[in-house]
Amino acid sequence: MTFDRTKPEFDAPAGPAPTELEIRDLIVGDGAEAKPGATVTIHYAGVDFESGEEFDSSWSRGEAAQFPLGMLIKGWQEGIPGMKVGGRRQLTIPPHLAYGPAGSGHFLGGKTLIFIIDLIAV
């Protein structure tokens, strides 16, 4: 399976930021399924819900990232399991499942975040 997908474009969100995790499959994969606690290889990009400003992207660095799910923010721990290799998923993550409230010490504290993630391997 080859991954020649380009970096995704983000659509401006409509309405208020969600208070719970929103999961939307943009492309359903047909490979192995990510399980809770798995180590995943992904490409991803993240933007701030309010401003649409990108704060991180593995595509911009030119290489996929590999993480154990247990080391990631709650929104990824809950939003990636069930994804299958080859899939592309959008996660809209409220602050309590991301980097905590404003003033938490993280520059993304208090922000709702949108990620688009391509699952390359589990």
PDB file of N, CA and C in Angstrom:
ATOM      1  N   MET A   1       0.850  -1.182   0.000  1.00  0.00           N
ATOM      2  CA  MET A   1       0.000   0.000   0.000  1.00  0.00           C
ATOM      3  C   MET A   1       0.890   1.237   0.000  1.00  0.00           C
ATOM      4  N   THR A   2       0.681   2.120  -0.948  1.00  0.00           N
ATOM      5  CA  THR A   2       1.497   3.328  -0.999  1.00  0.00           C
ATOM      6  C   THR A   2       0.691   4.511  -0.493  1.00  0.00           C
ATOM      7  N   PHE A   3       1.424   5.429   0.062  1.00  0.00           N
ATOM      8  CA  PHE A   3       0.783   6.636   0.587  1.00  0.00           C
ATOM      9  C   PHE A   3       1.386   7.831  -0.114  1.00  0.00           C
ATOM     10  N   ASP A   4       0.720   8.258  -1.166  1.00  0.00           N
ATOM     11  CA  ASP A   4       1.180   9.440  -1.873  1.00  0.00           C
ATOM     12  C   ASP A   4       0.176  10.571  -1.688  1.00  0.00           C
ATOM     13  N   ARG A   5      -0.634  10.460  -0.658  1.00  0.00           N
ATOM     14  CA  ARG A   5      -1.610  11.507  -0.400  1.00  0.00           C
ATOM     15  C   ARG A   5      -0.900  12.800  -0.057  1.00  0.00           C
ATOM     16  N   THR A   6      -1.491  13.867  -0.502  1.00  0.00           N
ATOM     17  CA  THR A   6      -0.934  15.171  -0.191  1.00  0.00           C
ATOM     18  C   THR A   6      -1.535  15.680   1.112  1.00  0.00           C
ATOM     19  N   LYS A   7      -0.917  16.708   1.615  1.00  0.00           N
ATOM     20  CA  LYS A   7      -1.396  17.351   2.836  1.00  0.00           C
ATOM     21  C   LYS A   7      -2.839  17.802   2.627  1.00  0.00           C
ATOM     22  N   PRO A   8      -3.695  17.546   3.596  1.00  0.00           N
ATOM     23  CA  PRO A   8      -5.114  17.899   3.439  1.00  0.00           C
ATOM     24  C   PRO A   8      -5.365  19.395   3.548  1.00  0.00           C
ATOM     25  N   GLU A   9      -6.469  19.797   2.968  1.00  0.00           N
ATOM     26  CA  GLU A   9      -6.981  21.154   3.153  1.00  0.00           C
ATOM     27  C   GLU A   9      -8.050  21.081   4.241  1.00  0.00           C
ATOM     28  N   PHE A  10      -8.109  22.101   5.058  1.00  0.00           N
ATOM     29  CA  PHE A  10      -9.109  22.149   6.120  1.00  0.00           C
ATOM     30  C   PHE A  10     -10.251  23.046   5.697  1.00  0.00           C
ATOM     31  N   ASP A  11     -11.481  22.554   5.888  1.00  0.00           N
ATOM     32  CA  ASP A  11     -12.654  23.395   5.657  1.00  0.00           C
ATOM     33  C   ASP A  11     -12.890  24.214   6.917  1.00  0.00           C
ATOM     34  N   ALA A  12     -13.284  25.473   6.744  1.00  0.00           N
ATOM     35  CA  ALA A  12     -13.589  26.304   7.905  1.00  0.00           C
ATOM     36  C   ALA A  12     -14.789  25.693   8.624  1.00  0.00           C
ATOM     37  N   PRO A  13     -14.685  25.514   9.951  1.00  0.00           N
ATOM     38  CA  PRO A  13     -15.812  24.916  10.671  1.00  0.00           C
ATOM     39  C   PRO A  13     -17.006  25.854  10.725  1.00  0.00           C
ATOM     40  N   ALA A  14     -18.184  25.255  10.746  1.00  0.00           N
ATOM     41  CA  ALA A  14     -19.414  26.037  10.864  1.00  0.00           C
ATOM     42  C   ALA A  14     -19.935  25.886  12.288  1.00  0.00           C
ATOM     43  N   GLY A  15     -20.452  26.954  12.827  1.00  0.00           N
ATOM     44  CA  GLY A  15     -21.049  26.891  14.149  1.00  0.00           C
ATOM     45  C   GLY A  15     -20.025  26.941  15.263  1.00  0.00           C
ATOM     46  N   PRO A  16     -20.514  26.777  16.494  1.00  0.00           N
ATOM     47  CA  PRO A  16     -19.629  26.853  17.653  1.00  0.00           C
ATOM     48  C   PRO A  16     -18.747  25.616  17.790  1.00  0.00           C
ATOM     49  N   ALA A  17     -17.666  25.763  18.517  1.00  0.00           N
ATOM     50  CA  ALA A  17     -16.769  24.638  18.772  1.00  0.00           C
ATOM     51  C   ALA A  17     -17.515  23.569  19.558  1.00  0.00           C
ATOM     52  N   PRO A  18     -17.303  22.298  19.238  1.00  0.00           N
ATOM     53  CA  PRO A  18     -17.981  21.223  19.972  1.00  0.00           C
ATOM     54  C   PRO A  18     -17.423  21.095  21.388  1.00  0.00           C
ATOM     55  N   THR A  19     -18.244  20.555  22.269  1.00  0.00           N
ATOM     56  CA  THR A  19     -17.798  20.335  23.645  1.00  0.00           C
ATOM     57  C   THR A  19     -17.344  18.896  23.854  1.00  0.00           C
ATOM     58  N   GLU A  20     -17.600  18.035  22.879  1.00  0.00           N
ATOM     59  CA  GLU A  20     -17.157  16.642  22.927  1.00  0.00           C
ATOM     60  C   GLU A  20     -16.367  16.332  21.669  1.00  0.00           C
ATOM     61  N   LEU A  21     -15.612  15.257  21.713  1.00  0.00           N
ATOM     62  CA  LEU A  21     -14.814  14.817  20.574  1.00  0.00           C
ATOM     63  C   LEU A  21     -15.717  14.524  19.376  1.00  0.00           C
ATOM     64  N   GLU A  22     -15.353  15.063  18.213  1.00  0.00           N
ATOM     65  CA  GLU A  22     -16.055  14.756  16.973  1.00  0.00           C
ATOM     66  C   GLU A  22     -15.112  13.985  16.069  1.00  0.00           C
ATOM     67  N   ILE A  23     -15.577  12.840  15.580  1.00  0.00           N
ATOM     68  CA  ILE A  23     -14.790  11.962  14.717  1.00  0.00           C
ATOM     69  C   ILE A  23     -15.501  11.874  13.375  1.00  0.00           C
ATOM     70  N   ARG A  24     -14.760  12.162  12.297  1.00  0.00           N
ATOM     71  CA  ARG A  24     -15.355  12.067  10.958  1.00  0.00           C
ATOM     72  C   ARG A  24     -14.368  11.375  10.038  1.00  0.00           C
ATOM     73  N   ASP A  25     -14.779  10.237   9.484  1.00  0.00           N
ATOM     74  CA  ASP A  25     -13.931   9.534   8.530  1.00  0.00           C
ATOM     75  C   ASP A  25     -14.060  10.213   7.170  1.00  0.00           C
ATOM     76  N   LEU A  26     -12.925  10.681   6.642  1.00  0.00           N
ATOM     77  CA  LEU A  26     -12.891  11.300   5.322  1.00  0.00           C
ATOM     78  C   LEU A  26     -12.627  10.228   4.263  1.00  0.00           C
ATOM     79  N   ILE A  27     -11.784   9.256   4.615  1.00  0.00           N
ATOM     80  CA  ILE A  27     -11.508   8.081   3.778  1.00  0.00           C
ATOM     81  C   ILE A  27     -11.469   6.896   4.735  1.00  0.00           C
ATOM     82  N   VAL A  28     -12.237   5.848   4.435  1.00  0.00           N
ATOM     83  CA  VAL A  28     -12.222   4.653   5.275  1.00  0.00           C
ATOM     84  C   VAL A  28     -11.137   3.720   4.751  1.00  0.00           C
ATOM     85  N   GLY A  29     -10.216   3.339   5.623  1.00  0.00           N
ATOM     86  CA  GLY A  29      -9.135   2.440   5.227  1.00  0.00           C
ATOM     87  C   GLY A  29      -9.607   0.997   5.175  1.00  0.00           C
ATOM     88  N   ASP A  30      -8.760   0.135   4.617  1.00  0.00           N
ATOM     89  CA  ASP A  30      -9.119  -1.282   4.530  1.00  0.00           C
ATOM     90  C   ASP A  30      -8.006  -2.165   5.094  1.00  0.00           C
ATOM     91  N   GLY A  31      -7.068  -1.574   5.810  1.00  0.00           N
ATOM     92  CA  GLY A  31      -5.969  -2.337   6.392  1.00  0.00           C
ATOM     93  C   GLY A  31      -6.232  -2.695   7.839  1.00  0.00           C
ATOM     94  N   ALA A  32      -5.138  -2.966   8.555  1.00  0.00           N
ATOM     95  CA  ALA A  32      -5.226  -3.337   9.971  1.00  0.00           C
ATOM     96  C   ALA A  32      -5.867  -2.203  10.778  1.00  0.00           C
ATOM     97  N   GLU A  33      -6.594  -2.589  11.812  1.00  0.00           N
ATOM     98  CA  GLU A  33      -7.304  -1.611  12.638  1.00  0.00           C
ATOM     99  C   GLU A  33      -6.455  -1.189  13.829  1.00  0.00           C
ATOM    100  N   ALA A  34      -6.440   0.107  14.096  1.00  0.00           N
ATOM    101  CA  ALA A  34      -5.737   0.632  15.275  1.00  0.00           C
ATOM    102  C   ALA A  34      -6.544   0.289  16.520  1.00  0.00           C
ATOM    103  N   LYS A  35      -5.867  -0.273  17.508  1.00  0.00           N
ATOM    104  CA  LYS A  35      -6.502  -0.636  18.779  1.00  0.00           C
ATOM    105  C   LYS A  35      -6.003   0.324  19.863  1.00  0.00           C
ATOM    106  N   PRO A  36      -6.771   0.495  20.948  1.00  0.00           N
ATOM    107  CA  PRO A  36      -6.293   1.333  22.046  1.00  0.00           C
ATOM    108  C   PRO A  36      -4.928   0.849  22.531  1.00  0.00           C
ATOM    109  N   GLY A  37      -4.011   1.784  22.726  1.00  0.00           N
ATOM    110  CA  GLY A  37      -2.691   1.443  23.222  1.00  0.00           C
ATOM    111  C   GLY A  37      -1.693   1.021  22.161  1.00  0.00           C
ATOM    112  N   ALA A  38      -2.143   0.920  20.905  1.00  0.00           N
ATOM    113  CA  ALA A  38      -1.253   0.515  19.815  1.00  0.00           C
ATOM    114  C   ALA A  38      -0.219   1.605  19.537  1.00  0.00           C
ATOM    115  N   THR A  39       0.845   1.226  18.843  1.00  0.00           N
ATOM    116  CA  THR A  39       1.780   2.211  18.294  1.00  0.00           C
ATOM    117  C   THR A  39       1.368   2.428  16.849  1.00  0.00           C
ATOM    118  N   VAL A  40       1.185   3.686  16.475  1.00  0.00           N
ATOM    119  CA  VAL A  40       0.689   4.022  15.141  1.00  0.00           C
ATOM    120  C   VAL A  40       1.714   4.862  14.382  1.00  0.00           C
ATOM    121  N   THR A  41       1.742   4.681  13.080  1.00  0.00           N
ATOM    122  CA  THR A  41       2.513   5.545  12.187  1.00  0.00           C
ATOM    123  C   THR A  41       1.492   6.354  11.402  1.00  0.00           C
ATOM    124  N   ILE A  42       1.627   7.671  11.485  1.00  0.00           N
ATOM    125  CA  ILE A  42       0.616   8.565  10.913  1.00  0.00           C
ATOM    126  C   ILE A  42       1.274   9.755  10.215  1.00  0.00           C
ATOM    127  N   HIS A  43       0.500  10.352   9.336  1.00  0.00           N
ATOM    128  CA  HIS A  43       0.756  11.716   8.877  1.00  0.00           C
ATOM    129  C   HIS A  43      -0.403  12.515   9.444  1.00  0.00           C
ATOM    130  N   TYR A  44      -0.121  13.736   9.854  1.00  0.00           N
ATOM    131  CA  TYR A  44      -1.191  14.538  10.449  1.00  0.00           C
ATOM    132  C   TYR A  44      -0.918  16.019  10.258  1.00  0.00           C
ATOM    133  N   ALA A  45      -1.986  16.785  10.350  1.00  0.00           N
ATOM    134  CA  ALA A  45      -1.896  18.239  10.392  1.00  0.00           C
ATOM    135  C   ALA A  45      -2.928  18.714  11.398  1.00  0.00           C
ATOM    136  N   GLY A  46      -2.602  19.792  12.105  1.00  0.00           N
ATOM    137  CA  GLY A  46      -3.517  20.334  13.103  1.00  0.00           C
ATOM    138  C   GLY A  46      -3.689  21.827  12.941  1.00  0.00           C
ATOM    139  N   VAL A  47      -4.936  22.273  13.107  1.00  0.00           N
ATOM    140  CA  VAL A  47      -5.244  23.703  13.065  1.00  0.00           C
ATOM    141  C   VAL A  47      -6.086  24.081  14.278  1.00  0.00           C
ATOM    142  N   ASP A  48      -6.018  25.347  14.623  1.00  0.00           N
ATOM    143  CA  ASP A  48      -6.833  25.929  15.690  1.00  0.00           C
ATOM    144  C   ASP A  48      -8.253  26.111  15.140  1.00  0.00           C
ATOM    145  N   PHE A  49      -9.262  25.619  15.862  1.00  0.00           N
ATOM    146  CA  PHE A  49     -10.663  25.716  15.437  1.00  0.00           C
ATOM    147  C   PHE A  49     -11.058  27.166  15.179  1.00  0.00           C
ATOM    148  N   GLU A  50     -10.671  28.077  16.090  1.00  0.00           N
ATOM    149  CA  GLU A  50     -11.095  29.479  16.000  1.00  0.00           C
ATOM    150  C   GLU A  50     -10.449  30.215  14.825  1.00  0.00           C
ATOM    151  N   SER A  51      -9.140  30.121  14.717  1.00  0.00           N
ATOM    152  CA  SER A  51      -8.410  30.934  13.737  1.00  0.00           C
ATOM    153  C   SER A  51      -8.156  30.204  12.421  1.00  0.00           C
ATOM    154  N   GLY A  52      -8.216  28.861  12.457  1.00  0.00           N
ATOM    155  CA  GLY A  52      -7.863  28.090  11.270  1.00  0.00           C
ATOM    156  C   GLY A  52      -6.367  28.038  11.032  1.00  0.00           C
ATOM    157  N   GLU A  53      -5.586  28.588  11.971  1.00  0.00           N
ATOM    158  CA  GLU A  53      -4.140  28.644  11.813  1.00  0.00           C
ATOM    159  C   GLU A  53      -3.506  27.293  12.127  1.00  0.00           C
ATOM    160  N   GLU A  54      -2.635  26.844  11.229  1.00  0.00           N
ATOM    161  CA  GLU A  54      -1.946  25.577  11.442  1.00  0.00           C
ATOM    162  C   GLU A  54      -0.889  25.738  12.525  1.00  0.00           C
ATOM    163  N   PHE A  55      -0.844  24.773  13.457  1.00  0.00           N
ATOM    164  CA  PHE A  55       0.185  24.805  14.500  1.00  0.00           C
ATOM    165  C   PHE A  55       1.149  23.637  14.394  1.00  0.00           C
ATOM    166  N   ASP A  56       0.788  22.603  13.634  1.00  0.00           N
ATOM    167  CA  ASP A  56       1.684  21.454  13.504  1.00  0.00           C
ATOM    168  C   ASP A  56       1.286  20.643  12.281  1.00  0.00           C
ATOM    169  N   SER A  57       2.300  20.041  11.616  1.00  0.00           N
ATOM    170  CA  SER A  57       2.019  19.176  10.468  1.00  0.00           C
ATOM    171  C   SER A  57       3.220  18.287  10.189  1.00  0.00           C
ATOM    172  N   SER A  58       2.979  16.979  10.172  1.00  0.00           N
ATOM    173  CA  SER A  58       4.056  16.064   9.793  1.00  0.00           C
ATOM    174  C   SER A  58       4.362  16.205   8.300  1.00  0.00           C
ATOM    175  N   TRP A  59       3.348  16.573   7.494  1.00  0.00           N
ATOM    176  CA  TRP A  59       3.599  16.774   6.063  1.00  0.00           C
ATOM    177  C   TRP A  59       4.617  17.888   5.858  1.00  0.00           C
ATOM    178  N   SER A  60       4.513  18.949   6.645  1.00  0.00           N
ATOM    179  CA  SER A  60       5.443  20.075   6.507  1.00  0.00           C
ATOM    180  C   SER A  60       6.869  19.668   6.856  1.00  0.00           C
ATOM    181  N   ARG A  61       7.010  18.688   7.748  1.00  0.00           N
ATOM    182  CA  ARG A  61       8.339  18.187   8.113  1.00  0.00           C
ATOM    183  C   ARG A  61       8.839  17.143   7.114  1.00  0.00           C
ATOM    184  N   GLY A  62       7.933  16.636   6.268  1.00  0.00           N
ATOM    185  CA  GLY A  62       8.331  15.701   5.231  1.00  0.00           C
ATOM    186  C   GLY A  62       8.494  14.263   5.699  1.00  0.00           C
ATOM    187  N   GLU A  63       8.042  13.971   6.924  1.00  0.00           N
ATOM    188  CA  GLU A  63       8.113  12.576   7.366  1.00  0.00           C
ATOM    189  C   GLU A  63       6.972  12.241   8.307  1.00  0.00           C
ATOM    190  N   ALA A  64       6.545  10.990   8.205  1.00  0.00           N
ATOM    191  CA  ALA A  64       5.468  10.506   9.065  1.00  0.00           C
ATOM    192  C   ALA A  64       5.975  10.436  10.502  1.00  0.00           C
ATOM    193  N   ALA A  65       5.046  10.398  11.428  1.00  0.00           N
ATOM    194  CA  ALA A  65       5.366  10.313  12.852  1.00  0.00           C
ATOM    195  C   ALA A  65       4.904   8.972  13.384  1.00  0.00           C
ATOM    196  N   GLN A  66       5.620   8.459  14.389  1.00  0.00           N
ATOM    197  CA  GLN A  66       5.227   7.198  15.015  1.00  0.00           C
ATOM    198  C   GLN A  66       5.109   7.445  16.512  1.00  0.00           C
ATOM    199  N   PHE A  67       3.969   7.035  17.087  1.00  0.00           N
ATOM    200  CA  PHE A  67       3.699   7.260  18.503  1.00  0.00           C
ATOM    201  C   PHE A  67       2.974   6.067  19.106  1.00  0.00           C
ATOM    202  N   PRO A  68       3.245   5.750  20.373  1.00  0.00           N
ATOM    203  CA  PRO A  68       2.322   4.887  21.109  1.00  0.00           C
ATOM    204  C   PRO A  68       1.106   5.744  21.479  1.00  0.00           C
ATOM    205  N   LEU A  69      -0.091   5.250  21.218  1.00  0.00           N
ATOM    206  CA  LEU A  69      -1.293   6.046  21.492  1.00  0.00           C
ATOM    207  C   LEU A  69      -1.364   6.528  22.936  1.00  0.00           C
ATOM    208  N   GLY A  70      -0.878   5.710  23.873  1.00  0.00           N
ATOM    209  CA  GLY A  70      -0.952   6.086  25.278  1.00  0.00           C
ATOM    210  C   GLY A  70      -0.160   7.334  25.631  1.00  0.00           C
ATOM    211  N   MET A  71       0.729   7.775  24.741  1.00  0.00           N
ATOM    212  CA  MET A  71       1.548   8.957  24.995  1.00  0.00           C
ATOM    213  C   MET A  71       0.911  10.234  24.433  1.00  0.00           C
ATOM    214  N   LEU A  72      -0.216  10.101  23.774  1.00  0.00           N
ATOM    215  CA  LEU A  72      -0.820  11.227  23.061  1.00  0.00           C
ATOM    216  C   LEU A  72      -1.965  11.850  23.837  1.00  0.00           C
ATOM    217  N   ILE A  73      -2.422  13.013  23.351  1.00  0.00           N
ATOM    218  CA  ILE A  73      -3.562  13.674  24.004  1.00  0.00           C
ATOM    219  C   ILE A  73      -4.786  12.758  23.961  1.00  0.00           C
ATOM    220  N   LYS A  74      -5.667  12.951  24.940  1.00  0.00           N
ATOM    221  CA  LYS A  74      -6.869  12.125  25.089  1.00  0.00           C
ATOM    222  C   LYS A  74      -7.685  12.038  23.803  1.00  0.00           C
ATOM    223  N   GLY A  75      -7.816  13.150  23.104  1.00  0.00           N
ATOM    224  CA  GLY A  75      -8.614  13.153  21.879  1.00  0.00           C
ATOM    225  C   GLY A  75      -8.084  12.188  20.832  1.00  0.00           C
ATOM    226  N   TRP A  76      -6.749  12.016  20.784  1.00  0.00           N
ATOM    227  CA  TRP A  76      -6.167  11.040  19.855  1.00  0.00           C
ATOM    228  C   TRP A  76      -6.327   9.634  20.413  1.00  0.00           C
ATOM    229  N   GLN A  77      -6.169   9.471  21.732  1.00  0.00           N
ATOM    230  CA  GLN A  77      -6.329   8.150  22.344  1.00  0.00           C
ATOM    231  C   GLN A  77      -7.736   7.609  22.102  1.00  0.00           C
ATOM    232  N   GLU A  78      -8.719   8.510  22.083  1.00  0.00           N
ATOM    233  CA  GLU A  78     -10.113   8.102  21.864  1.00  0.00           C
ATOM    234  C   GLU A  78     -10.496   8.111  20.389  1.00  0.00           C
ATOM    235  N   GLY A  79      -9.829   8.948  19.596  1.00  0.00           N
ATOM    236  CA  GLY A  79     -10.257   9.168  18.214  1.00  0.00           C
ATOM    237  C   GLY A  79      -9.572   8.322  17.164  1.00  0.00           C
ATOM    238  N   ILE A  80      -8.399   7.752  17.472  1.00  0.00           N
ATOM    239  CA  ILE A  80      -7.684   6.947  16.473  1.00  0.00           C
ATOM    240  C   ILE A  80      -8.089   5.466  16.505  1.00  0.00           C
ATOM    241  N   PRO A  81      -8.307   4.849  17.690  1.00  0.00           N
ATOM    242  CA  PRO A  81      -8.737   3.445  17.667  1.00  0.00           C
ATOM    243  C   PRO A  81      -9.997   3.256  16.809  1.00  0.00           C
ATOM    244  N   GLY A  82     -10.008   2.157  16.071  1.00  0.00           N
ATOM    245  CA  GLY A  82     -11.117   1.901  15.152  1.00  0.00           C
ATOM    246  C   GLY A  82     -10.784   2.320  13.735  1.00  0.00           C
ATOM    247  N   MET A  83      -9.812   3.212  13.589  1.00  0.00           N
ATOM    248  CA  MET A  83      -9.340   3.601  12.260  1.00  0.00           C
ATOM    249  C   MET A  83      -8.607   2.423  11.636  1.00  0.00           C
ATOM    250  N   LYS A  84      -8.681   2.308  10.321  1.00  0.00           N
ATOM    251  CA  LYS A  84      -7.951   1.249   9.621  1.00  0.00           C
ATOM    252  C   LYS A  84      -6.863   1.864   8.751  1.00  0.00           C
ATOM    253  N   VAL A  85      -5.761   1.112   8.612  1.00  0.00           N
ATOM    254  CA  VAL A  85      -4.651   1.571   7.776  1.00  0.00           C
ATOM    255  C   VAL A  85      -5.186   1.937   6.398  1.00  0.00           C
ATOM    256  N   GLY A  86      -4.740   3.073   5.902  1.00  0.00           N
ATOM    257  CA  GLY A  86      -5.221   3.588   4.628  1.00  0.00           C
ATOM    258  C   GLY A  86      -6.294   4.640   4.807  1.00  0.00           C
ATOM    259  N   GLY A  87      -6.778   4.789   6.040  1.00  0.00           N
ATOM    260  CA  GLY A  87      -7.847   5.741   6.310  1.00  0.00           C
ATOM    261  C   GLY A  87      -7.335   7.146   6.571  1.00  0.00           C
ATOM    262  N   ARG A  88      -8.241   8.110   6.391  1.00  0.00           N
ATOM    263  CA  ARG A  88      -8.008   9.510   6.746  1.00  0.00           C
ATOM    264  C   ARG A  88      -9.181   9.944   7.611  1.00  0.00           C
ATOM    265  N   ARG A  89      -8.868  10.465   8.776  1.00  0.00           N
ATOM    266  CA  ARG A  89      -9.900  10.822   9.753  1.00  0.00           C
ATOM    267  C   ARG A  89      -9.673  12.241  10.243  1.00  0.00           C
ATOM    268  N   GLN A  90     -10.778  12.946  10.427  1.00  0.00           N
ATOM    269  CA  GLN A  90     -10.726  14.281  11.025  1.00  0.00           C
ATOM    270  C   GLN A  90     -11.230  14.192  12.458  1.00  0.00           C
ATOM    271  N   LEU A  91     -10.437  14.733  13.381  1.00  0.00           N
ATOM    272  CA  LEU A  91     -10.813  14.807  14.789  1.00  0.00           C
ATOM    273  C   LEU A  91     -10.942  16.267  15.179  1.00  0.00           C
ATOM    274  N   THR A  92     -12.077  16.623  15.764  1.00  0.00           N
ATOM    275  CA  THR A  92     -12.257  17.958  16.341  1.00  0.00           C
ATOM    276  C   THR A  92     -12.282  17.752  17.846  1.00  0.00           C
ATOM    277  N   ILE A  93     -11.278  18.326  18.519  1.00  0.00           N
ATOM    278  CA  ILE A  93     -10.988  17.982  19.908  1.00  0.00           C
ATOM    279  C   ILE A  93     -11.140  19.202  20.806  1.00  0.00           C
ATOM    280  N   PRO A  94     -12.096  19.155  21.765  1.00  0.00           N
ATOM    281  CA  PRO A  94     -12.248  20.269  22.710  1.00  0.00           C
ATOM    282  C   PRO A  94     -11.068  20.305  23.692  1.00  0.00           C
ATOM    283  N   PRO A  95     -10.875  21.463  24.346  1.00  0.00           N
ATOM    284  CA  PRO A  95      -9.702  21.639  25.212  1.00  0.00           C
ATOM    285  C   PRO A  95      -9.507  20.546  26.263  1.00  0.00           C
ATOM    286  N   HIS A  96     -10.591  20.060  26.883  1.00  0.00           N
ATOM    287  CA  HIS A  96     -10.416  19.071  27.964  1.00  0.00           C
ATOM    288  C   HIS A  96      -9.884  17.730  27.461  1.00  0.00           C
ATOM    289  N   LEU A  97      -9.932  17.487  26.150  1.00  0.00           N
ATOM    290  CA  LEU A  97      -9.364  16.271  25.572  1.00  0.00           C
ATOM    291  C   LEU A  97      -8.082  16.575  24.780  1.00  0.00           C
ATOM    292  N   ALA A  98      -7.654  17.844  24.850  1.00  0.00           N
ATOM    293  CA  ALA A  98      -6.443  18.257  24.131  1.00  0.00           C
ATOM    294  C   ALA A  98      -5.390  18.678  25.151  1.00  0.00           C
ATOM    295  N   TYR A  99      -5.170  19.984  25.279  1.00  0.00           N
ATOM    296  CA  TYR A  99      -4.086  20.459  26.149  1.00  0.00           C
ATOM    297  C   TYR A  99      -4.599  21.200  27.380  1.00  0.00           C
ATOM    298  N   GLY A 100      -5.859  20.951  27.740  1.00  0.00           N
ATOM    299  CA  GLY A 100      -6.390  21.516  28.976  1.00  0.00           C
ATOM    300  C   GLY A 100      -6.876  22.944  28.810  1.00  0.00           C
ATOM    301  N   PRO A 101      -7.281  23.541  29.923  1.00  0.00           N
ATOM    302  CA  PRO A 101      -7.853  24.882  29.883  1.00  0.00           C
ATOM    303  C   PRO A 101      -6.803  25.942  29.579  1.00  0.00           C
ATOM    304  N   ALA A 102      -7.282  27.113  29.216  1.00  0.00           N
ATOM    305  CA  ALA A 102      -6.388  28.258  29.040  1.00  0.00           C
ATOM    306  C   ALA A 102      -5.616  28.442  30.343  1.00  0.00           C
ATOM    307  N   GLY A 103      -4.345  28.769  30.239  1.00  0.00           N
ATOM    308  CA  GLY A 103      -3.531  28.946  31.434  1.00  0.00           C
ATOM    309  C   GLY A 103      -2.902  27.656  31.930  1.00  0.00           C
ATOM    310  N   SER A 104      -3.071  26.553  31.166  1.00  0.00           N
ATOM    311  CA  SER A 104      -2.523  25.257  31.591  1.00  0.00           C
ATOM    312  C   SER A 104      -1.006  25.193  31.412  1.00  0.00           C
ATOM    313  N   GLY A 105      -0.436  26.216  30.779  1.00  0.00           N
ATOM    314  CA  GLY A 105       1.000  26.224  30.553  1.00  0.00           C
ATOM    315  C   GLY A 105       1.378  25.793  29.151  1.00  0.00           C
ATOM    316  N   HIS A 106       0.438  25.198  28.406  1.00  0.00           N
ATOM    317  CA  HIS A 106       0.709  24.802  27.025  1.00  0.00           C
ATOM    318  C   HIS A 106       0.174  25.895  26.103  1.00  0.00           C
ATOM    319  N   PHE A 107       0.900  26.194  25.028  1.00  0.00           N
ATOM    320  CA  PHE A 107       0.451  27.285  24.147  1.00  0.00           C
ATOM    321  C   PHE A 107      -0.885  26.979  23.467  1.00  0.00           C
ATOM    322  N   LEU A 108      -1.310  25.712  23.451  1.00  0.00           N
ATOM    323  CA  LEU A 108      -2.604  25.348  22.883  1.00  0.00           C
ATOM    324  C   LEU A 108      -3.675  25.149  23.960  1.00  0.00           C
ATOM    325  N   GLY A 109      -3.348  25.459  25.226  1.00  0.00           N
ATOM    326  CA  GLY A 109      -4.329  25.359  26.308  1.00  0.00           C
ATOM    327  C   GLY A 109      -5.550  26.216  26.009  1.00  0.00           C
ATOM    328  N   GLY A 110      -6.735  25.673  26.285  1.00  0.00           N
ATOM    329  CA  GLY A 110      -7.983  26.415  26.100  1.00  0.00           C
ATOM    330  C   GLY A 110      -8.493  26.416  24.674  1.00  0.00           C
ATOM    331  N   LYS A 111      -7.769  25.779  23.765  1.00  0.00           N
ATOM    332  CA  LYS A 111      -8.165  25.815  22.355  1.00  0.00           C
ATOM    333  C   LYS A 111      -8.795  24.496  21.909  1.00  0.00           C
ATOM    334  N   THR A 112      -9.813  24.629  21.061  1.00  0.00           N
ATOM    335  CA  THR A 112     -10.371  23.483  20.363  1.00  0.00           C
ATOM    336  C   THR A 112      -9.522  23.282  19.117  1.00  0.00           C
ATOM    337  N   LEU A 113      -9.132  22.041  18.863  1.00  0.00           N
ATOM    338  CA  LEU A 113      -8.200  21.731  17.787  1.00  0.00           C
ATOM    339  C   LEU A 113      -8.843  20.810  16.756  1.00  0.00           C
ATOM    340  N   ILE A 114      -8.451  20.989  15.501  1.00  0.00           N
ATOM    341  CA  ILE A 114      -8.903  20.096  14.435  1.00  0.00           C
ATOM    342  C   ILE A 114      -7.666  19.432  13.847  1.00  0.00           C
ATOM    343  N   PHE A 115      -7.681  18.098  13.798  1.00  0.00           N
ATOM    344  CA  PHE A 115      -6.593  17.342  13.189  1.00  0.00           C
ATOM    345  C   PHE A 115      -7.145  16.525  12.031  1.00  0.00           C
ATOM    346  N   ILE A 116      -6.357  16.406  10.976  1.00  0.00           N
ATOM    347  CA  ILE A 116      -6.628  15.411   9.934  1.00  0.00           C
ATOM    348  C   ILE A 116      -5.452  14.451   9.987  1.00  0.00           C
ATOM    349  N   ILE A 117      -5.790  13.167  10.113  1.00  0.00           N
ATOM    350  CA  ILE A 117      -4.793  12.120  10.344  1.00  0.00           C
ATOM    351  C   ILE A 117      -4.934  11.039   9.280  1.00  0.00           C
ATOM    352  N   ASP A 118      -3.812  10.676   8.655  1.00  0.00           N
ATOM    353  CA  ASP A 118      -3.748   9.505   7.769  1.00  0.00           C
ATOM    354  C   ASP A 118      -3.069   8.391   8.543  1.00  0.00           C
ATOM    355  N   LEU A 119      -3.711   7.247   8.647  1.00  0.00           N
ATOM    356  CA  LEU A 119      -3.118   6.097   9.345  1.00  0.00           C
ATOM    357  C   LEU A 119      -2.325   5.281   8.331  1.00  0.00           C
ATOM    358  N   ILE A 120      -0.992   5.211   8.546  1.00  0.00           N
ATOM    359  CA  ILE A 120      -0.090   4.540   7.624  1.00  0.00           C
ATOM    360  C   ILE A 120       0.184   3.107   8.068  1.00  0.00           C
ATOM    361  N   ALA A 121       0.371   2.916   9.375  1.00  0.00           N
ATOM    362  CA  ALA A 121       0.672   1.568   9.890  1.00  0.00           C
ATOM    363  C   ALA A 121       0.310   1.482  11.357  1.00  0.00           C
ATOM    364  N   VAL A 122       0.038   0.249  11.816  1.00  0.00           N
ATOM    365  CA  VAL A 122      -0.160  -0.006  13.259  1.00  0.00           C
ATOM    366  C   VAL A 122       0.768  -1.116  13.677  1.00  0.00           C
TER     367      VAL A 122
END
